[in-house]
Amino acid sequence: MGVWAGIGVLLPFPFYYWLWKQPQTWVDLCGKQNDPSKMMAFVSQFLKLIQFLSLYSVSSLSWPPPFYFWPLFLAGQFLNFRVYQLLGESGTYYGVRFGKTVPWVTEFPFGYIKDPQYVGSIMSLLACLSWVPFQYILLWCLGYVFMIHVESDEDPTTRAKPLR
């Protein structure tokens, strides 16, 4: 089960990499009738389910959680919620890469925390260390670190042309 769990944890990152590097192919694939950010959100949520099931398959749930679980998990989820609240679906799911105009946001956590959504996700994962073997949490976190690096190179010439 361990190898499959590792694959499941890493599964979304090639998808995100492809969409970041080749956004026009996704826009073309989605066509005029489908919003590429909405379609990315749909696929991403399915991949997130696979990630969670992968972690669950190697976890050992026990109750109560350790003292650090709730503050770390809730702070991480707050950052994720706040990013989505401020950016919306298009801002969260690569809308700018798909040719959309996404307003620049400076409210907290932006301007205070670099890559707040990834930081929040990593915090939430670290909260689960008492239940999930370290190597799976590390793999998932390394996937996020990889995407932070990929997304730090936002080349405007590779942005998709919006479909009209």
N, C-alpha and C. Protein backbone atom coordinates (compact mmCIF):
# COMPACT_ATOMS: atom_id res chain seq x y z
N MET A 1 0.83 -1.21 0.00
CA MET A 1 0.00 0.00 0.00
C MET A 1 0.87 1.26 0.00
N GLY A 2 2.08 1.18 0.53
CA GLY A 2 2.93 2.34 0.68
C GLY A 2 3.28 3.04 -0.62
N VAL A 3 3.65 2.26 -1.65
CA VAL A 3 4.02 2.87 -2.94
C VAL A 3 2.81 3.55 -3.56
N TRP A 4 1.65 2.90 -3.49
CA TRP A 4 0.43 3.49 -4.06
C TRP A 4 0.03 4.75 -3.32
N ALA A 5 0.22 4.75 -2.01
CA ALA A 5 -0.08 5.96 -1.23
C ALA A 5 0.84 7.10 -1.64
N GLY A 6 2.12 6.80 -1.84
CA GLY A 6 3.06 7.83 -2.30
C GLY A 6 2.68 8.38 -3.66
N ILE A 7 2.29 7.50 -4.56
CA ILE A 7 1.85 7.93 -5.90
C ILE A 7 0.60 8.79 -5.78
N GLY A 8 -0.34 8.36 -4.94
CA GLY A 8 -1.57 9.13 -4.75
C GLY A 8 -1.32 10.51 -4.20
N VAL A 9 -0.35 10.62 -3.28
CA VAL A 9 -0.01 11.91 -2.68
C VAL A 9 0.60 12.84 -3.73
N LEU A 10 1.41 12.29 -4.62
CA LEU A 10 2.10 13.11 -5.63
C LEU A 10 1.29 13.35 -6.90
N LEU A 11 0.20 12.64 -7.07
CA LEU A 11 -0.57 12.67 -8.32
C LEU A 11 -0.95 14.07 -8.84
N PRO A 12 -1.38 15.00 -8.00
CA PRO A 12 -1.81 16.30 -8.54
C PRO A 12 -0.69 17.17 -9.12
N PHE A 13 0.53 16.97 -8.65
CA PHE A 13 1.58 17.93 -8.99
C PHE A 13 1.98 17.94 -10.46
N PRO A 14 2.03 16.80 -11.15
CA PRO A 14 2.26 16.89 -12.61
C PRO A 14 1.14 17.65 -13.34
N PHE A 15 -0.09 17.49 -12.86
CA PHE A 15 -1.23 18.21 -13.44
C PHE A 15 -1.05 19.72 -13.27
N TYR A 16 -0.73 20.14 -12.04
CA TYR A 16 -0.52 21.58 -11.79
C TYR A 16 0.65 22.11 -12.61
N TYR A 17 1.71 21.33 -12.67
CA TYR A 17 2.89 21.74 -13.44
C TYR A 17 2.51 21.95 -14.91
N TRP A 18 1.81 21.00 -15.48
CA TRP A 18 1.39 21.09 -16.89
C TRP A 18 0.53 22.33 -17.12
N LEU A 19 -0.44 22.57 -16.23
CA LEU A 19 -1.31 23.73 -16.41
C LEU A 19 -0.55 25.04 -16.28
N TRP A 20 0.44 25.08 -15.38
CA TRP A 20 1.22 26.31 -15.21
C TRP A 20 2.09 26.57 -16.42
N LYS A 21 2.71 25.52 -16.93
CA LYS A 21 3.66 25.67 -18.03
C LYS A 21 2.99 25.74 -19.40
N GLN A 22 1.86 25.07 -19.55
CA GLN A 22 1.17 25.01 -20.85
C GLN A 22 -0.31 25.38 -20.70
N PRO A 23 -0.63 26.57 -20.20
CA PRO A 23 -2.04 26.90 -19.93
C PRO A 23 -2.91 26.93 -21.17
N GLN A 24 -2.32 27.26 -22.32
CA GLN A 24 -3.14 27.32 -23.53
C GLN A 24 -3.71 25.95 -23.90
N THR A 25 -2.95 24.89 -23.65
CA THR A 25 -3.47 23.55 -23.98
C THR A 25 -4.70 23.24 -23.14
N TRP A 26 -4.72 23.68 -21.89
CA TRP A 26 -5.88 23.45 -21.02
C TRP A 26 -7.07 24.29 -21.48
N VAL A 27 -6.82 25.56 -21.80
CA VAL A 27 -7.89 26.43 -22.28
C VAL A 27 -8.50 25.84 -23.56
N ASP A 28 -7.64 25.39 -24.47
CA ASP A 28 -8.14 24.78 -25.71
C ASP A 28 -8.93 23.50 -25.42
N LEU A 29 -8.43 22.70 -24.51
CA LEU A 29 -9.10 21.45 -24.15
C LEU A 29 -10.47 21.72 -23.52
N CYS A 30 -10.55 22.75 -22.71
CA CYS A 30 -11.82 23.10 -22.06
C CYS A 30 -12.83 23.66 -23.07
N GLY A 31 -12.33 24.33 -24.10
CA GLY A 31 -13.21 24.91 -25.11
C GLY A 31 -13.94 26.14 -24.61
N LYS A 32 -14.75 26.71 -25.48
CA LYS A 32 -15.46 27.95 -25.16
C LYS A 32 -16.56 27.75 -24.13
N GLN A 33 -17.13 26.56 -24.07
CA GLN A 33 -18.27 26.31 -23.19
C GLN A 33 -17.88 26.04 -21.74
N ASN A 34 -16.60 25.75 -21.46
CA ASN A 34 -16.17 25.43 -20.10
C ASN A 34 -15.14 26.41 -19.60
N ASP A 35 -15.37 26.95 -18.41
CA ASP A 35 -14.43 27.85 -17.78
C ASP A 35 -13.21 27.04 -17.33
N PRO A 36 -12.01 27.40 -17.81
CA PRO A 36 -10.83 26.59 -17.47
C PRO A 36 -10.51 26.57 -15.97
N SER A 37 -10.78 27.66 -15.25
CA SER A 37 -10.55 27.66 -13.80
C SER A 37 -11.54 26.73 -13.09
N LYS A 38 -12.78 26.77 -13.52
CA LYS A 38 -13.79 25.89 -12.93
C LYS A 38 -13.46 24.44 -13.21
N MET A 39 -13.00 24.13 -14.41
CA MET A 39 -12.64 22.76 -14.76
C MET A 39 -11.39 22.33 -13.99
N MET A 40 -10.44 23.24 -13.81
CA MET A 40 -9.25 22.92 -13.01
C MET A 40 -9.66 22.63 -11.58
N ALA A 41 -10.59 23.44 -11.04
CA ALA A 41 -11.06 23.23 -9.67
C ALA A 41 -11.70 21.85 -9.55
N PHE A 42 -12.50 21.47 -10.52
CA PHE A 42 -13.17 20.16 -10.50
C PHE A 42 -12.14 19.03 -10.48
N VAL A 43 -11.17 19.07 -11.40
CA VAL A 43 -10.14 18.03 -11.47
C VAL A 43 -9.28 18.05 -10.20
N SER A 44 -8.94 19.24 -9.74
CA SER A 44 -8.10 19.38 -8.54
C SER A 44 -8.78 18.80 -7.31
N GLN A 45 -10.08 19.01 -7.19
CA GLN A 45 -10.81 18.47 -6.04
C GLN A 45 -10.85 16.94 -6.09
N PHE A 46 -10.98 16.38 -7.28
CA PHE A 46 -10.92 14.92 -7.42
C PHE A 46 -9.54 14.40 -7.03
N LEU A 47 -8.50 15.09 -7.50
CA LEU A 47 -7.13 14.69 -7.15
C LEU A 47 -6.86 14.85 -5.65
N LYS A 48 -7.45 15.88 -5.05
CA LYS A 48 -7.32 16.09 -3.59
C LYS A 48 -7.97 14.93 -2.85
N LEU A 49 -9.09 14.45 -3.33
CA LEU A 49 -9.74 13.28 -2.72
C LEU A 49 -8.82 12.07 -2.77
N ILE A 50 -8.16 11.86 -3.90
CA ILE A 50 -7.21 10.75 -4.01
C ILE A 50 -6.06 10.94 -3.01
N GLN A 51 -5.58 12.17 -2.87
CA GLN A 51 -4.52 12.43 -1.89
C GLN A 51 -4.98 12.08 -0.48
N PHE A 52 -6.18 12.52 -0.10
CA PHE A 52 -6.68 12.23 1.24
C PHE A 52 -6.88 10.73 1.46
N LEU A 53 -7.42 10.06 0.47
CA LEU A 53 -7.60 8.60 0.59
C LEU A 53 -6.25 7.90 0.70
N SER A 54 -5.25 8.41 -0.01
CA SER A 54 -3.91 7.85 0.07
C SER A 54 -3.34 7.99 1.48
N LEU A 55 -3.50 9.18 2.06
CA LEU A 55 -3.03 9.37 3.44
C LEU A 55 -3.80 8.49 4.41
N TYR A 56 -5.10 8.41 4.21
CA TYR A 56 -5.93 7.60 5.09
C TYR A 56 -5.49 6.13 5.06
N SER A 57 -5.09 5.67 3.88
CA SER A 57 -4.70 4.26 3.73
C SER A 57 -3.45 3.90 4.54
N VAL A 58 -2.65 4.88 4.91
CA VAL A 58 -1.43 4.61 5.68
C VAL A 58 -1.49 5.22 7.08
N SER A 59 -2.66 5.74 7.46
CA SER A 59 -2.76 6.45 8.74
C SER A 59 -3.15 5.50 9.87
N SER A 60 -2.91 5.99 11.05
CA SER A 60 -3.34 5.29 12.27
C SER A 60 -4.05 6.32 13.13
N LEU A 61 -5.33 6.45 12.93
CA LEU A 61 -6.09 7.48 13.65
C LEU A 61 -6.27 7.08 15.10
N SER A 62 -6.00 8.02 15.98
CA SER A 62 -6.21 7.81 17.40
C SER A 62 -6.78 9.11 17.98
N TRP A 63 -7.51 8.97 19.04
CA TRP A 63 -8.14 10.13 19.63
C TRP A 63 -7.76 10.21 21.09
N PRO A 64 -7.55 11.31 21.67
CA PRO A 64 -7.60 12.65 21.08
C PRO A 64 -6.31 12.97 20.32
N PRO A 65 -6.39 13.96 19.46
CA PRO A 65 -5.17 14.35 18.74
C PRO A 65 -4.20 15.03 19.70
N PRO A 66 -2.93 15.13 19.30
CA PRO A 66 -1.95 15.81 20.16
C PRO A 66 -2.30 17.30 20.32
N PHE A 67 -1.75 17.90 21.35
CA PHE A 67 -2.07 19.30 21.69
C PHE A 67 -1.85 20.27 20.53
N TYR A 68 -0.89 20.00 19.66
CA TYR A 68 -0.56 20.94 18.58
C TYR A 68 -1.50 20.81 17.38
N PHE A 69 -2.30 19.75 17.33
CA PHE A 69 -3.12 19.51 16.14
C PHE A 69 -4.07 20.67 15.85
N TRP A 70 -4.93 21.01 16.79
CA TRP A 70 -5.98 21.99 16.51
C TRP A 70 -5.45 23.37 16.14
N PRO A 71 -4.51 23.95 16.90
CA PRO A 71 -4.05 25.28 16.47
C PRO A 71 -3.35 25.26 15.11
N LEU A 72 -2.55 24.25 14.85
CA LEU A 72 -1.83 24.18 13.58
C LEU A 72 -2.79 23.92 12.42
N PHE A 73 -3.70 22.98 12.60
CA PHE A 73 -4.65 22.64 11.55
C PHE A 73 -5.60 23.81 11.26
N LEU A 74 -6.14 24.40 12.32
CA LEU A 74 -7.10 25.51 12.13
C LEU A 74 -6.43 26.74 11.53
N ALA A 75 -5.21 27.05 11.95
CA ALA A 75 -4.49 28.18 11.35
C ALA A 75 -4.22 27.92 9.87
N GLY A 76 -3.82 26.70 9.55
CA GLY A 76 -3.59 26.35 8.14
C GLY A 76 -4.85 26.45 7.31
N GLN A 77 -5.96 25.93 7.85
CA GLN A 77 -7.22 26.00 7.11
C GLN A 77 -7.75 27.42 7.01
N PHE A 78 -7.49 28.24 8.03
CA PHE A 78 -7.86 29.66 7.95
C PHE A 78 -7.14 30.32 6.78
N LEU A 79 -5.84 30.06 6.64
CA LEU A 79 -5.09 30.65 5.51
C LEU A 79 -5.67 30.18 4.18
N ASN A 80 -5.96 28.90 4.06
CA ASN A 80 -6.55 28.38 2.82
C ASN A 80 -7.89 29.04 2.53
N PHE A 81 -8.74 29.11 3.55
CA PHE A 81 -10.05 29.73 3.38
C PHE A 81 -9.92 31.19 2.98
N ARG A 82 -9.02 31.91 3.63
CA ARG A 82 -8.84 33.34 3.37
C ARG A 82 -8.33 33.59 1.94
N VAL A 83 -7.40 32.75 1.49
CA VAL A 83 -6.91 32.90 0.12
C VAL A 83 -8.05 32.70 -0.87
N TYR A 84 -8.83 31.66 -0.67
CA TYR A 84 -9.95 31.39 -1.58
C TYR A 84 -10.99 32.51 -1.50
N GLN A 85 -11.22 33.00 -0.29
CA GLN A 85 -12.18 34.10 -0.09
C GLN A 85 -11.75 35.34 -0.87
N LEU A 86 -10.46 35.65 -0.83
CA LEU A 86 -9.96 36.86 -1.48
C LEU A 86 -9.77 36.69 -2.99
N LEU A 87 -9.31 35.53 -3.42
CA LEU A 87 -9.00 35.33 -4.84
C LEU A 87 -10.15 34.74 -5.63
N GLY A 88 -11.04 34.05 -4.97
CA GLY A 88 -12.12 33.37 -5.67
C GLY A 88 -11.59 32.19 -6.46
N GLU A 89 -12.49 31.57 -7.18
CA GLU A 89 -12.12 30.39 -7.95
C GLU A 89 -11.11 30.71 -9.05
N SER A 90 -11.34 31.79 -9.77
CA SER A 90 -10.43 32.14 -10.87
C SER A 90 -9.03 32.49 -10.37
N GLY A 91 -8.94 33.19 -9.26
CA GLY A 91 -7.64 33.55 -8.73
C GLY A 91 -6.90 32.37 -8.13
N THR A 92 -7.64 31.48 -7.51
CA THR A 92 -7.03 30.31 -6.89
C THR A 92 -6.62 29.28 -7.93
N TYR A 93 -7.45 29.12 -8.94
CA TYR A 93 -7.21 28.08 -9.95
C TYR A 93 -6.71 28.69 -11.26
N TYR A 94 -5.58 29.38 -11.18
CA TYR A 94 -4.76 29.80 -12.32
C TYR A 94 -5.47 30.67 -13.36
N GLY A 95 -6.50 31.39 -12.94
CA GLY A 95 -7.23 32.22 -13.89
C GLY A 95 -6.33 33.15 -14.69
N VAL A 96 -5.34 33.76 -14.04
CA VAL A 96 -4.44 34.67 -14.74
C VAL A 96 -3.65 33.92 -15.82
N ARG A 97 -3.32 32.67 -15.57
CA ARG A 97 -2.61 31.86 -16.57
C ARG A 97 -3.52 31.49 -17.74
N PHE A 98 -4.83 31.48 -17.47
CA PHE A 98 -5.80 31.11 -18.51
C PHE A 98 -6.36 32.34 -19.24
N GLY A 99 -5.70 33.49 -19.07
CA GLY A 99 -6.08 34.69 -19.81
C GLY A 99 -7.13 35.54 -19.14
N LYS A 100 -7.45 35.27 -17.89
CA LYS A 100 -8.45 36.07 -17.18
C LYS A 100 -7.77 37.23 -16.47
N THR A 101 -8.53 38.27 -16.22
CA THR A 101 -8.06 39.38 -15.42
C THR A 101 -8.45 39.09 -13.98
N VAL A 102 -7.45 38.94 -13.13
CA VAL A 102 -7.68 38.67 -11.71
C VAL A 102 -7.11 39.85 -10.94
N PRO A 103 -7.93 40.53 -10.14
CA PRO A 103 -7.44 41.70 -9.40
C PRO A 103 -6.31 41.34 -8.44
N TRP A 104 -5.38 42.26 -8.29
CA TRP A 104 -4.26 42.09 -7.36
C TRP A 104 -4.79 42.29 -5.94
N VAL A 105 -4.43 41.39 -5.04
CA VAL A 105 -4.93 41.43 -3.66
C VAL A 105 -3.77 41.72 -2.71
N THR A 106 -3.99 42.65 -1.78
CA THR A 106 -2.95 42.98 -0.80
C THR A 106 -3.43 42.76 0.64
N GLU A 107 -4.70 42.36 0.82
CA GLU A 107 -5.21 42.12 2.17
C GLU A 107 -4.55 40.89 2.78
N PHE A 108 -4.59 40.82 4.14
CA PHE A 108 -4.03 39.66 4.83
C PHE A 108 -4.69 38.39 4.32
N PRO A 109 -3.90 37.39 4.04
CA PRO A 109 -2.51 37.12 4.37
C PRO A 109 -1.51 37.56 3.29
N PHE A 110 -2.03 38.08 2.17
CA PHE A 110 -1.12 38.53 1.11
C PHE A 110 -0.35 39.75 1.59
N GLY A 111 0.92 39.81 1.26
CA GLY A 111 1.78 40.88 1.72
C GLY A 111 2.38 40.62 3.09
N TYR A 112 1.88 39.61 3.79
CA TYR A 112 2.39 39.24 5.11
C TYR A 112 3.06 37.87 5.08
N ILE A 113 2.48 36.97 4.31
CA ILE A 113 2.97 35.60 4.22
C ILE A 113 3.18 35.28 2.75
N LYS A 114 4.37 34.85 2.39
CA LYS A 114 4.64 34.47 1.01
C LYS A 114 3.96 33.12 0.75
N ASP A 115 3.22 33.02 -0.35
CA ASP A 115 2.51 31.80 -0.73
C ASP A 115 1.60 31.29 0.40
N PRO A 116 0.65 32.11 0.84
CA PRO A 116 -0.15 31.75 2.02
C PRO A 116 -0.98 30.48 1.86
N GLN A 117 -1.43 30.18 0.66
CA GLN A 117 -2.22 28.96 0.51
C GLN A 117 -1.35 27.72 0.71
N TYR A 118 -0.15 27.74 0.14
CA TYR A 118 0.75 26.61 0.33
C TYR A 118 1.21 26.51 1.78
N VAL A 119 1.48 27.65 2.41
CA VAL A 119 1.88 27.65 3.82
C VAL A 119 0.76 27.05 4.67
N GLY A 120 -0.47 27.47 4.40
CA GLY A 120 -1.61 26.93 5.14
C GLY A 120 -1.77 25.43 4.93
N SER A 121 -1.59 24.98 3.71
CA SER A 121 -1.71 23.55 3.43
C SER A 121 -0.61 22.76 4.14
N ILE A 122 0.60 23.28 4.13
CA ILE A 122 1.71 22.61 4.80
C ILE A 122 1.46 22.57 6.31
N MET A 123 0.95 23.66 6.89
CA MET A 123 0.63 23.66 8.31
C MET A 123 -0.40 22.58 8.64
N SER A 124 -1.43 22.47 7.81
CA SER A 124 -2.47 21.46 8.04
C SER A 124 -1.90 20.05 7.94
N LEU A 125 -1.02 19.84 6.99
CA LEU A 125 -0.38 18.52 6.87
C LEU A 125 0.49 18.20 8.07
N LEU A 126 1.28 19.17 8.51
CA LEU A 126 2.15 18.95 9.67
C LEU A 126 1.34 18.63 10.93
N ALA A 127 0.14 19.17 11.00
CA ALA A 127 -0.73 18.88 12.14
C ALA A 127 -1.08 17.39 12.22
N CYS A 128 -1.02 16.71 11.08
CA CYS A 128 -1.41 15.30 11.00
C CYS A 128 -0.26 14.33 11.22
N LEU A 129 0.89 14.83 11.60
CA LEU A 129 2.07 13.97 11.75
C LEU A 129 1.91 12.85 12.76
N SER A 130 1.06 13.02 13.74
CA SER A 130 0.90 11.94 14.73
C SER A 130 0.09 10.78 14.16
N TRP A 131 -0.58 10.99 13.04
CA TRP A 131 -1.42 9.95 12.45
C TRP A 131 -0.85 9.36 11.17
N VAL A 132 -0.07 10.15 10.45
CA VAL A 132 0.40 9.74 9.13
C VAL A 132 1.92 9.64 9.16
N PRO A 133 2.48 8.55 8.62
CA PRO A 133 3.94 8.44 8.60
C PRO A 133 4.60 9.64 7.93
N PHE A 134 5.71 10.04 8.50
CA PHE A 134 6.44 11.24 8.08
C PHE A 134 6.69 11.30 6.58
N GLN A 135 7.08 10.17 5.95
CA GLN A 135 7.47 10.20 4.54
C GLN A 135 6.33 10.67 3.63
N TYR A 136 5.08 10.40 3.99
CA TYR A 136 3.95 10.82 3.15
C TYR A 136 3.66 12.30 3.33
N ILE A 137 3.79 12.78 4.55
CA ILE A 137 3.64 14.22 4.79
C ILE A 137 4.77 14.96 4.08
N LEU A 138 5.98 14.43 4.17
CA LEU A 138 7.13 15.04 3.50
C LEU A 138 6.92 15.08 1.99
N LEU A 139 6.47 13.98 1.39
CA LEU A 139 6.22 13.95 -0.06
C LEU A 139 5.23 15.03 -0.47
N TRP A 140 4.14 15.12 0.25
CA TRP A 140 3.11 16.11 -0.08
C TRP A 140 3.68 17.52 0.07
N CYS A 141 4.39 17.77 1.17
CA CYS A 141 4.99 19.10 1.38
C CYS A 141 6.02 19.42 0.29
N LEU A 142 6.81 18.43 -0.11
CA LEU A 142 7.77 18.66 -1.20
C LEU A 142 7.06 18.99 -2.51
N GLY A 143 5.90 18.39 -2.73
CA GLY A 143 5.09 18.76 -3.90
C GLY A 143 4.71 20.22 -3.86
N TYR A 144 4.31 20.71 -2.68
CA TYR A 144 3.98 22.13 -2.54
C TYR A 144 5.21 23.02 -2.74
N VAL A 145 6.33 22.62 -2.18
CA VAL A 145 7.57 23.39 -2.35
C VAL A 145 7.95 23.45 -3.83
N PHE A 146 7.79 22.33 -4.51
CA PHE A 146 8.06 22.29 -5.96
C PHE A 146 7.15 23.29 -6.69
N MET A 147 5.86 23.30 -6.35
CA MET A 147 4.95 24.21 -7.04
C MET A 147 5.21 25.67 -6.68
N ILE A 148 5.65 25.94 -5.45
CA ILE A 148 6.04 27.31 -5.09
C ILE A 148 7.16 27.75 -6.02
N HIS A 149 8.13 26.87 -6.25
CA HIS A 149 9.24 27.19 -7.14
C HIS A 149 8.75 27.38 -8.58
N VAL A 150 7.91 26.48 -9.07
CA VAL A 150 7.40 26.59 -10.44
C VAL A 150 6.62 27.88 -10.61
N GLU A 151 5.75 28.19 -9.67
CA GLU A 151 4.89 29.36 -9.79
C GLU A 151 5.62 30.67 -9.54
N SER A 152 6.83 30.61 -9.01
CA SER A 152 7.59 31.84 -8.81
C SER A 152 8.09 32.40 -10.14
N ASP A 153 8.07 31.58 -11.18
CA ASP A 153 8.47 32.00 -12.52
C ASP A 153 7.22 32.18 -13.36
N GLU A 154 6.59 33.35 -13.22
CA GLU A 154 5.35 33.63 -13.93
C GLU A 154 5.69 34.36 -15.23
N ASP A 155 5.88 33.61 -16.29
CA ASP A 155 6.25 34.16 -17.58
C ASP A 155 4.99 34.61 -18.33
N PRO A 156 4.76 35.93 -18.45
CA PRO A 156 3.55 36.41 -19.12
C PRO A 156 3.43 35.95 -20.57
N THR A 157 4.55 35.63 -21.22
CA THR A 157 4.47 35.21 -22.62
C THR A 157 3.86 33.82 -22.77
N THR A 158 3.78 33.06 -21.68
CA THR A 158 3.19 31.72 -21.78
C THR A 158 1.73 31.71 -21.34
N ARG A 159 1.17 32.86 -21.00
CA ARG A 159 -0.24 32.90 -20.62
C ARG A 159 -1.11 32.54 -21.81
N ALA A 160 -2.24 31.94 -21.49
CA ALA A 160 -3.19 31.56 -22.54
C ALA A 160 -3.91 32.79 -23.07
N LYS A 161 -4.35 32.68 -24.29
CA LYS A 161 -5.21 33.72 -24.88
C LYS A 161 -6.64 33.36 -24.54
N PRO A 162 -7.39 34.30 -23.98
CA PRO A 162 -8.78 33.98 -23.63
C PRO A 162 -9.58 33.62 -24.88
N LEU A 163 -10.44 32.62 -24.73
CA LEU A 163 -11.33 32.24 -25.83
C LEU A 163 -12.46 33.24 -25.91
N ARG A 164 -12.80 33.65 -27.08
CA ARG A 164 -13.87 34.63 -27.26
C ARG A 164 -15.09 33.97 -27.86
